[in-house]
Amino acid sequence: MNIKIRAYTETDIPQMIAIWNEVVEQGVAFPQLDMLDEKTGPIFFSSQTYCGVAEDSDSGQVLGLYILHPNNEGRCGHICNASYAVSAPIRGLHIGEKLVLDCMEQGKVHGFRILQFNAVVRTNIHARHLYERLGFEPLGIIPGGFLMKDGHYEDICPYYHLL
């Protein structure tokens, strides 16, 4: 497996939708409730500042993705936000780390100064360990900030990193 992170193209969208929906369906990480489809997916991805994909250069398969966009506007428009998704069968192979590192570089390229994660679910241990290993600073805990798929509320842990 030879992983390359690159900008998405329109031909990647069906695979991106499948990976995104996998995370939404699991209901333990993304705040979205609605699945993307062939109509909403292209609109969603094209509305981002940047979308990167992790492609296996050997097979051409998209294995993961990220979206990058402003976290706010105006006087806070220099802060960006991102979300990451890796296909479940290949999690644990450090593809997420490659996506985060590329996202940090793209954040700088697009003029952002800070990358902030608003809602990292407290029980998402693998993501939290990755962010902390990469130098992201935790901002505290928001009790019960995330509605899990099973109906209970879980704490969220915002993070930031100066770009």
N, C-alpha and C. Protein backbone atom coordinates (compact mmCIF):
# COMPACT_ATOMS: atom_id res chain seq x y z
N MET A 1 0.85 -1.18 0.00
CA MET A 1 0.00 0.00 0.00
C MET A 1 0.89 1.24 0.00
N ASN A 2 0.66 2.13 -0.94
CA ASN A 2 1.44 3.35 -1.09
C ASN A 2 0.48 4.54 -1.00
N ILE A 3 0.44 5.18 0.17
CA ILE A 3 -0.55 6.23 0.44
C ILE A 3 -0.02 7.58 0.00
N LYS A 4 -0.83 8.28 -0.76
CA LYS A 4 -0.53 9.64 -1.21
C LYS A 4 -1.71 10.53 -0.83
N ILE A 5 -1.41 11.67 -0.22
CA ILE A 5 -2.46 12.64 0.11
C ILE A 5 -2.47 13.69 -1.00
N ARG A 6 -3.64 13.96 -1.54
CA ARG A 6 -3.77 14.90 -2.64
C ARG A 6 -5.13 15.58 -2.58
N ALA A 7 -5.29 16.62 -3.39
CA ALA A 7 -6.59 17.28 -3.51
C ALA A 7 -7.58 16.32 -4.18
N TYR A 8 -8.82 16.39 -3.75
CA TYR A 8 -9.83 15.52 -4.34
C TYR A 8 -10.18 15.98 -5.75
N THR A 9 -10.70 15.06 -6.53
CA THR A 9 -11.23 15.36 -7.85
C THR A 9 -12.67 14.86 -7.88
N GLU A 10 -13.41 15.27 -8.88
CA GLU A 10 -14.81 14.85 -8.99
C GLU A 10 -14.96 13.33 -9.06
N THR A 11 -13.98 12.67 -9.65
CA THR A 11 -14.08 11.21 -9.75
C THR A 11 -13.95 10.52 -8.39
N ASP A 12 -13.42 11.23 -7.39
CA ASP A 12 -13.27 10.66 -6.04
C ASP A 12 -14.57 10.72 -5.24
N ILE A 13 -15.51 11.54 -5.67
CA ILE A 13 -16.68 11.84 -4.84
C ILE A 13 -17.48 10.60 -4.42
N PRO A 14 -17.75 9.63 -5.29
CA PRO A 14 -18.49 8.46 -4.80
C PRO A 14 -17.79 7.74 -3.63
N GLN A 15 -16.47 7.58 -3.72
CA GLN A 15 -15.73 6.94 -2.63
C GLN A 15 -15.72 7.82 -1.38
N MET A 16 -15.61 9.15 -1.58
CA MET A 16 -15.63 10.07 -0.44
C MET A 16 -16.98 10.01 0.27
N ILE A 17 -18.06 9.97 -0.49
CA ILE A 17 -19.39 9.88 0.10
C ILE A 17 -19.52 8.61 0.93
N ALA A 18 -19.05 7.50 0.40
CA ALA A 18 -19.13 6.23 1.12
C ALA A 18 -18.37 6.29 2.44
N ILE A 19 -17.16 6.84 2.42
CA ILE A 19 -16.35 6.93 3.65
C ILE A 19 -17.00 7.89 4.64
N TRP A 20 -17.44 9.05 4.15
CA TRP A 20 -18.09 10.05 5.02
C TRP A 20 -19.32 9.44 5.69
N ASN A 21 -20.16 8.78 4.88
CA ASN A 21 -21.39 8.21 5.41
C ASN A 21 -21.14 7.10 6.43
N GLU A 22 -20.04 6.38 6.25
CA GLU A 22 -19.66 5.34 7.21
C GLU A 22 -19.49 5.96 8.60
N VAL A 23 -18.81 7.10 8.67
CA VAL A 23 -18.58 7.76 9.96
C VAL A 23 -19.88 8.35 10.50
N VAL A 24 -20.67 8.97 9.64
CA VAL A 24 -21.96 9.53 10.09
C VAL A 24 -22.84 8.42 10.63
N GLU A 25 -22.90 7.30 9.91
CA GLU A 25 -23.74 6.18 10.33
C GLU A 25 -23.30 5.62 11.68
N GLN A 26 -21.99 5.59 11.94
CA GLN A 26 -21.51 5.07 13.23
C GLN A 26 -21.99 5.94 14.38
N GLY A 27 -22.17 7.24 14.12
CA GLY A 27 -22.78 8.13 15.11
C GLY A 27 -21.96 8.41 16.36
N VAL A 28 -20.63 8.32 16.25
CA VAL A 28 -19.80 8.55 17.43
C VAL A 28 -18.71 9.60 17.23
N ALA A 29 -18.72 10.29 16.06
CA ALA A 29 -17.65 11.25 15.81
C ALA A 29 -18.13 12.52 15.11
N PHE A 30 -18.86 12.43 14.03
CA PHE A 30 -19.29 13.61 13.29
C PHE A 30 -20.62 14.13 13.84
N PRO A 31 -20.82 15.45 13.85
CA PRO A 31 -22.09 15.98 14.34
C PRO A 31 -23.25 15.81 13.35
N GLN A 32 -22.94 15.55 12.08
CA GLN A 32 -24.00 15.44 11.06
C GLN A 32 -24.91 14.25 11.34
N LEU A 33 -26.18 14.44 11.03
CA LEU A 33 -27.16 13.35 11.14
C LEU A 33 -27.53 12.80 9.77
N ASP A 34 -27.44 13.64 8.75
CA ASP A 34 -27.88 13.25 7.41
C ASP A 34 -26.73 12.69 6.59
N MET A 35 -27.05 11.65 5.84
CA MET A 35 -26.09 11.04 4.93
C MET A 35 -25.96 11.90 3.68
N LEU A 36 -24.81 11.82 3.04
CA LEU A 36 -24.62 12.46 1.75
C LEU A 36 -25.08 11.50 0.66
N ASP A 37 -25.49 12.05 -0.47
CA ASP A 37 -25.85 11.22 -1.62
C ASP A 37 -25.23 11.83 -2.87
N GLU A 38 -25.57 11.27 -4.02
CA GLU A 38 -24.95 11.73 -5.27
C GLU A 38 -25.30 13.19 -5.59
N LYS A 39 -26.34 13.72 -4.98
CA LYS A 39 -26.71 15.12 -5.20
C LYS A 39 -26.07 16.04 -4.14
N THR A 40 -26.17 15.66 -2.86
CA THR A 40 -25.66 16.52 -1.79
C THR A 40 -24.15 16.40 -1.60
N GLY A 41 -23.58 15.24 -1.93
CA GLY A 41 -22.14 15.04 -1.74
C GLY A 41 -21.28 16.02 -2.51
N PRO A 42 -21.48 16.14 -3.82
CA PRO A 42 -20.67 17.09 -4.58
C PRO A 42 -20.82 18.54 -4.08
N ILE A 43 -22.01 18.91 -3.69
CA ILE A 43 -22.25 20.27 -3.17
C ILE A 43 -21.49 20.46 -1.87
N PHE A 44 -21.59 19.48 -0.99
CA PHE A 44 -20.92 19.55 0.32
C PHE A 44 -19.41 19.67 0.14
N PHE A 45 -18.81 18.78 -0.63
CA PHE A 45 -17.36 18.79 -0.77
C PHE A 45 -16.86 20.03 -1.51
N SER A 46 -17.59 20.49 -2.50
CA SER A 46 -17.15 21.68 -3.25
C SER A 46 -17.32 22.96 -2.44
N SER A 47 -18.11 22.92 -1.37
CA SER A 47 -18.30 24.12 -0.54
C SER A 47 -17.18 24.33 0.48
N GLN A 48 -16.29 23.36 0.61
CA GLN A 48 -15.19 23.45 1.56
C GLN A 48 -14.06 24.31 0.98
N THR A 49 -13.22 24.85 1.84
CA THR A 49 -12.04 25.56 1.36
C THR A 49 -11.10 24.60 0.62
N TYR A 50 -10.97 23.40 1.16
CA TYR A 50 -10.09 22.40 0.56
C TYR A 50 -10.54 21.03 1.05
N CYS A 51 -10.44 20.04 0.19
CA CYS A 51 -10.67 18.65 0.57
C CYS A 51 -9.47 17.85 0.10
N GLY A 52 -8.92 17.07 0.99
CA GLY A 52 -7.82 16.18 0.65
C GLY A 52 -8.28 14.74 0.76
N VAL A 53 -7.70 13.88 -0.06
CA VAL A 53 -7.98 12.46 0.03
C VAL A 53 -6.69 11.68 0.20
N ALA A 54 -6.81 10.56 0.89
CA ALA A 54 -5.71 9.60 1.01
C ALA A 54 -5.98 8.53 -0.02
N GLU A 55 -5.10 8.45 -1.01
CA GLU A 55 -5.27 7.49 -2.09
C GLU A 55 -4.18 6.44 -2.02
N ASP A 56 -4.56 5.20 -2.21
CA ASP A 56 -3.58 4.14 -2.38
C ASP A 56 -3.14 4.20 -3.83
N SER A 57 -1.94 4.69 -4.06
CA SER A 57 -1.44 4.87 -5.43
C SER A 57 -1.38 3.56 -6.20
N ASP A 58 -1.23 2.45 -5.49
CA ASP A 58 -1.16 1.15 -6.16
C ASP A 58 -2.50 0.74 -6.77
N SER A 59 -3.59 1.01 -6.03
CA SER A 59 -4.92 0.58 -6.48
C SER A 59 -5.79 1.71 -6.99
N GLY A 60 -5.43 2.96 -6.66
CA GLY A 60 -6.26 4.10 -7.02
C GLY A 60 -7.45 4.29 -6.09
N GLN A 61 -7.54 3.50 -5.04
CA GLN A 61 -8.67 3.56 -4.11
C GLN A 61 -8.48 4.70 -3.11
N VAL A 62 -9.56 5.44 -2.85
CA VAL A 62 -9.57 6.46 -1.81
C VAL A 62 -9.85 5.76 -0.49
N LEU A 63 -8.95 5.96 0.48
CA LEU A 63 -9.04 5.27 1.78
C LEU A 63 -9.46 6.20 2.91
N GLY A 64 -9.35 7.51 2.67
CA GLY A 64 -9.70 8.48 3.70
C GLY A 64 -9.79 9.86 3.09
N LEU A 65 -10.24 10.81 3.89
CA LEU A 65 -10.41 12.17 3.39
C LEU A 65 -10.43 13.16 4.54
N TYR A 66 -10.28 14.44 4.19
CA TYR A 66 -10.55 15.50 5.16
C TYR A 66 -11.17 16.68 4.45
N ILE A 67 -11.91 17.45 5.24
CA ILE A 67 -12.46 18.72 4.77
C ILE A 67 -11.86 19.82 5.62
N LEU A 68 -11.57 20.96 4.99
CA LEU A 68 -10.97 22.11 5.65
C LEU A 68 -11.80 23.34 5.29
N HIS A 69 -12.16 24.12 6.29
CA HIS A 69 -13.00 25.30 6.07
C HIS A 69 -12.83 26.28 7.22
N PRO A 70 -13.28 27.53 7.05
CA PRO A 70 -13.20 28.48 8.16
C PRO A 70 -14.03 28.00 9.34
N ASN A 71 -13.53 28.24 10.53
CA ASN A 71 -14.28 27.92 11.74
C ASN A 71 -15.27 29.02 12.06
N ASN A 72 -14.96 30.23 11.60
CA ASN A 72 -15.79 31.39 11.86
C ASN A 72 -15.56 32.38 10.73
N GLU A 73 -15.93 33.61 10.92
CA GLU A 73 -15.77 34.62 9.87
C GLU A 73 -15.24 35.92 10.48
N GLY A 74 -15.00 36.88 9.62
CA GLY A 74 -14.58 38.22 10.08
C GLY A 74 -13.32 38.18 10.91
N ARG A 75 -13.38 38.74 12.10
CA ARG A 75 -12.21 38.84 12.97
C ARG A 75 -11.69 37.50 13.46
N CYS A 76 -12.48 36.46 13.26
CA CYS A 76 -12.04 35.10 13.61
C CYS A 76 -11.87 34.24 12.37
N GLY A 77 -11.87 34.85 11.20
CA GLY A 77 -11.76 34.12 9.95
C GLY A 77 -10.41 33.47 9.70
N HIS A 78 -9.43 33.78 10.52
CA HIS A 78 -8.10 33.17 10.38
C HIS A 78 -8.02 31.81 11.08
N ILE A 79 -9.11 31.39 11.70
CA ILE A 79 -9.16 30.09 12.38
C ILE A 79 -9.91 29.13 11.47
N CYS A 80 -9.30 27.98 11.20
CA CYS A 80 -9.96 26.98 10.38
C CYS A 80 -10.38 25.79 11.23
N ASN A 81 -11.19 24.95 10.63
CA ASN A 81 -11.72 23.75 11.26
C ASN A 81 -11.60 22.63 10.23
N ALA A 82 -11.52 21.41 10.69
CA ALA A 82 -11.41 20.28 9.77
C ALA A 82 -12.08 19.06 10.36
N SER A 83 -12.44 18.15 9.48
CA SER A 83 -12.96 16.84 9.87
C SER A 83 -12.23 15.79 9.04
N TYR A 84 -12.01 14.63 9.65
CA TYR A 84 -11.25 13.55 9.02
C TYR A 84 -12.06 12.27 9.03
N ALA A 85 -11.92 11.48 7.99
CA ALA A 85 -12.59 10.18 7.91
C ALA A 85 -11.68 9.19 7.23
N VAL A 86 -11.55 8.03 7.83
CA VAL A 86 -10.77 6.94 7.25
C VAL A 86 -11.69 5.72 7.20
N SER A 87 -11.66 5.01 6.09
CA SER A 87 -12.48 3.82 5.93
C SER A 87 -12.20 2.82 7.06
N ALA A 88 -13.25 2.31 7.66
CA ALA A 88 -13.13 1.47 8.85
C ALA A 88 -12.18 0.28 8.69
N PRO A 89 -12.21 -0.45 7.58
CA PRO A 89 -11.34 -1.63 7.50
C PRO A 89 -9.84 -1.31 7.53
N ILE A 90 -9.44 -0.08 7.25
CA ILE A 90 -8.02 0.21 7.21
C ILE A 90 -7.59 1.22 8.29
N ARG A 91 -8.44 1.45 9.27
CA ARG A 91 -8.04 2.32 10.38
C ARG A 91 -6.90 1.66 11.14
N GLY A 92 -6.04 2.49 11.74
CA GLY A 92 -4.91 1.98 12.49
C GLY A 92 -3.63 1.90 11.68
N LEU A 93 -3.67 2.33 10.41
CA LEU A 93 -2.47 2.28 9.56
C LEU A 93 -1.82 3.65 9.41
N HIS A 94 -2.17 4.60 10.28
CA HIS A 94 -1.59 5.96 10.32
C HIS A 94 -2.00 6.83 9.13
N ILE A 95 -3.08 6.45 8.47
CA ILE A 95 -3.59 7.28 7.38
C ILE A 95 -4.16 8.57 7.95
N GLY A 96 -4.81 8.50 9.10
CA GLY A 96 -5.34 9.70 9.75
C GLY A 96 -4.25 10.70 10.04
N GLU A 97 -3.11 10.24 10.50
CA GLU A 97 -1.99 11.13 10.78
C GLU A 97 -1.54 11.85 9.51
N LYS A 98 -1.45 11.12 8.41
CA LYS A 98 -1.05 11.74 7.15
C LYS A 98 -2.08 12.79 6.72
N LEU A 99 -3.35 12.51 6.93
CA LEU A 99 -4.40 13.47 6.59
C LEU A 99 -4.28 14.73 7.44
N VAL A 100 -4.07 14.57 8.75
CA VAL A 100 -3.96 15.73 9.64
C VAL A 100 -2.75 16.58 9.26
N LEU A 101 -1.61 15.95 9.03
CA LEU A 101 -0.40 16.70 8.68
C LEU A 101 -0.58 17.47 7.38
N ASP A 102 -1.20 16.84 6.39
CA ASP A 102 -1.45 17.54 5.12
C ASP A 102 -2.43 18.68 5.34
N CYS A 103 -3.44 18.45 6.14
CA CYS A 103 -4.43 19.49 6.45
C CYS A 103 -3.77 20.70 7.10
N MET A 104 -2.83 20.47 7.99
CA MET A 104 -2.13 21.58 8.64
C MET A 104 -1.37 22.40 7.60
N GLU A 105 -0.75 21.72 6.65
CA GLU A 105 -0.03 22.44 5.59
C GLU A 105 -1.00 23.20 4.70
N GLN A 106 -2.09 22.58 4.34
CA GLN A 106 -3.08 23.25 3.50
C GLN A 106 -3.73 24.43 4.23
N GLY A 107 -3.88 24.30 5.54
CA GLY A 107 -4.40 25.42 6.32
C GLY A 107 -3.51 26.64 6.15
N LYS A 108 -2.20 26.44 6.24
CA LYS A 108 -1.25 27.55 6.04
C LYS A 108 -1.34 28.09 4.62
N VAL A 109 -1.36 27.19 3.64
CA VAL A 109 -1.43 27.59 2.23
C VAL A 109 -2.66 28.48 1.98
N HIS A 110 -3.75 28.18 2.67
CA HIS A 110 -5.00 28.92 2.47
C HIS A 110 -5.14 30.10 3.42
N GLY A 111 -4.06 30.47 4.10
CA GLY A 111 -4.03 31.69 4.88
C GLY A 111 -4.56 31.61 6.29
N PHE A 112 -4.81 30.41 6.78
CA PHE A 112 -5.28 30.27 8.16
C PHE A 112 -4.08 30.29 9.11
N ARG A 113 -4.32 30.73 10.34
CA ARG A 113 -3.26 30.81 11.34
C ARG A 113 -3.43 29.79 12.46
N ILE A 114 -4.65 29.31 12.64
CA ILE A 114 -4.97 28.38 13.72
C ILE A 114 -5.90 27.31 13.17
N LEU A 115 -5.67 26.05 13.57
CA LEU A 115 -6.58 24.96 13.27
C LEU A 115 -7.24 24.57 14.59
N GLN A 116 -8.56 24.62 14.61
CA GLN A 116 -9.31 24.34 15.83
C GLN A 116 -10.31 23.22 15.57
N PHE A 117 -10.37 22.28 16.49
CA PHE A 117 -11.38 21.23 16.45
C PHE A 117 -12.39 21.55 17.55
N ASN A 118 -13.63 21.73 17.19
CA ASN A 118 -14.65 22.15 18.12
C ASN A 118 -15.23 21.03 18.97
N ALA A 119 -15.28 19.82 18.41
CA ALA A 119 -16.06 18.78 19.06
C ALA A 119 -15.44 17.40 18.92
N VAL A 120 -14.28 17.21 19.50
CA VAL A 120 -13.68 15.88 19.52
C VAL A 120 -14.32 15.13 20.68
N VAL A 121 -14.98 14.04 20.37
CA VAL A 121 -15.69 13.28 21.40
C VAL A 121 -14.67 12.69 22.37
N ARG A 122 -14.94 12.87 23.64
CA ARG A 122 -13.99 12.45 24.69
C ARG A 122 -13.59 10.98 24.56
N THR A 123 -14.50 10.12 24.14
CA THR A 123 -14.21 8.70 24.03
C THR A 123 -13.50 8.33 22.73
N ASN A 124 -13.25 9.30 21.86
CA ASN A 124 -12.52 9.05 20.62
C ASN A 124 -11.02 9.09 20.94
N ILE A 125 -10.59 8.09 21.67
CA ILE A 125 -9.24 8.04 22.23
C ILE A 125 -8.16 8.10 21.14
N HIS A 126 -8.36 7.38 20.05
CA HIS A 126 -7.33 7.34 19.01
C HIS A 126 -7.12 8.73 18.40
N ALA A 127 -8.21 9.43 18.12
CA ALA A 127 -8.08 10.79 17.57
C ALA A 127 -7.42 11.71 18.59
N ARG A 128 -7.85 11.64 19.83
CA ARG A 128 -7.28 12.52 20.86
C ARG A 128 -5.79 12.26 21.04
N HIS A 129 -5.37 11.01 21.05
CA HIS A 129 -3.94 10.70 21.18
C HIS A 129 -3.16 11.24 19.99
N LEU A 130 -3.71 11.08 18.80
CA LEU A 130 -3.05 11.59 17.59
C LEU A 130 -2.89 13.10 17.68
N TYR A 131 -3.96 13.81 17.99
CA TYR A 131 -3.90 15.27 18.05
C TYR A 131 -2.88 15.74 19.08
N GLU A 132 -2.89 15.11 20.23
CA GLU A 132 -1.95 15.52 21.29
C GLU A 132 -0.52 15.20 20.89
N ARG A 133 -0.29 14.07 20.22
CA ARG A 133 1.05 13.71 19.75
C ARG A 133 1.55 14.71 18.71
N LEU A 134 0.63 15.28 17.92
CA LEU A 134 1.00 16.25 16.90
C LEU A 134 1.08 17.68 17.44
N GLY A 135 0.88 17.84 18.74
CA GLY A 135 1.06 19.16 19.35
C GLY A 135 -0.20 19.99 19.50
N PHE A 136 -1.36 19.42 19.27
CA PHE A 136 -2.61 20.15 19.50
C PHE A 136 -2.81 20.33 20.99
N GLU A 137 -3.30 21.50 21.35
CA GLU A 137 -3.55 21.83 22.76
C GLU A 137 -5.02 21.64 23.09
N PRO A 138 -5.32 20.90 24.16
CA PRO A 138 -6.72 20.78 24.58
C PRO A 138 -7.20 22.09 25.21
N LEU A 139 -8.45 22.40 25.00
CA LEU A 139 -9.03 23.64 25.52
C LEU A 139 -9.96 23.41 26.69
N GLY A 140 -10.09 22.19 27.13
CA GLY A 140 -11.00 21.89 28.24
C GLY A 140 -12.00 20.83 27.82
N ILE A 141 -13.10 20.79 28.55
CA ILE A 141 -14.13 19.79 28.31
C ILE A 141 -15.49 20.48 28.31
N ILE A 142 -16.31 20.13 27.34
CA ILE A 142 -17.70 20.60 27.32
C ILE A 142 -18.55 19.40 27.69
N PRO A 143 -19.10 19.40 28.92
CA PRO A 143 -19.86 18.25 29.40
C PRO A 143 -21.10 18.00 28.53
N GLY A 144 -21.27 16.76 28.13
CA GLY A 144 -22.47 16.37 27.39
C GLY A 144 -22.66 17.09 26.07
N GLY A 145 -21.57 17.48 25.42
CA GLY A 145 -21.68 18.27 24.21
C GLY A 145 -21.99 17.51 22.94
N PHE A 146 -21.97 16.19 22.98
CA PHE A 146 -22.17 15.39 21.76
C PHE A 146 -23.23 14.33 22.01
N LEU A 147 -24.25 14.31 21.16
CA LEU A 147 -25.30 13.30 21.23
C LEU A 147 -24.84 12.06 20.46
N MET A 148 -24.59 10.99 21.18
CA MET A 148 -24.15 9.74 20.57
C MET A 148 -25.34 9.06 19.89
N LYS A 149 -25.05 8.18 18.96
CA LYS A 149 -26.10 7.49 18.20
C LYS A 149 -27.06 6.73 19.11
N ASP A 150 -26.55 6.20 20.22
CA ASP A 150 -27.40 5.42 21.12
C ASP A 150 -28.26 6.31 22.03
N GLY A 151 -28.13 7.65 21.89
CA GLY A 151 -29.00 8.56 22.63
C GLY A 151 -28.39 9.17 23.88
N HIS A 152 -27.22 8.71 24.32
CA HIS A 152 -26.62 9.34 25.50
C HIS A 152 -25.71 10.48 25.06
N TYR A 153 -25.42 11.36 25.99
CA TYR A 153 -24.57 12.52 25.70
C TYR A 153 -23.16 12.24 26.22
N GLU A 154 -22.19 12.57 25.39
CA GLU A 154 -20.78 12.36 25.71
C GLU A 154 -20.09 13.72 25.75
N ASP A 155 -19.07 13.85 26.56
CA ASP A 155 -18.29 15.08 26.63
C ASP A 155 -17.52 15.30 25.34
N ILE A 156 -17.27 16.56 25.01
CA ILE A 156 -16.39 16.87 23.89
C ILE A 156 -15.20 17.67 24.39
N CYS A 157 -14.10 17.54 23.65
CA CYS A 157 -12.83 18.16 24.01
C CYS A 157 -12.34 18.99 22.82
N PRO A 158 -12.51 20.30 22.86
CA PRO A 158 -11.97 21.13 21.78
C PRO A 158 -10.43 21.16 21.83
N TYR A 159 -9.82 21.30 20.65
CA TYR A 159 -8.37 21.38 20.52
C TYR A 159 -8.01 22.50 19.55
N TYR A 160 -6.77 22.99 19.67
CA TYR A 160 -6.27 23.94 18.67
C TYR A 160 -4.79 23.73 18.45
N HIS A 161 -4.32 24.22 17.30
CA HIS A 161 -2.90 24.18 16.97
C HIS A 161 -2.57 25.42 16.16
N LEU A 162 -1.52 26.13 16.56
CA LEU A 162 -1.07 27.28 15.77
C LEU A 162 -0.42 26.75 14.50
N LEU A 163 -0.79 27.34 13.38
CA LEU A 163 -0.21 26.91 12.12
C LEU A 163 0.99 27.76 11.78
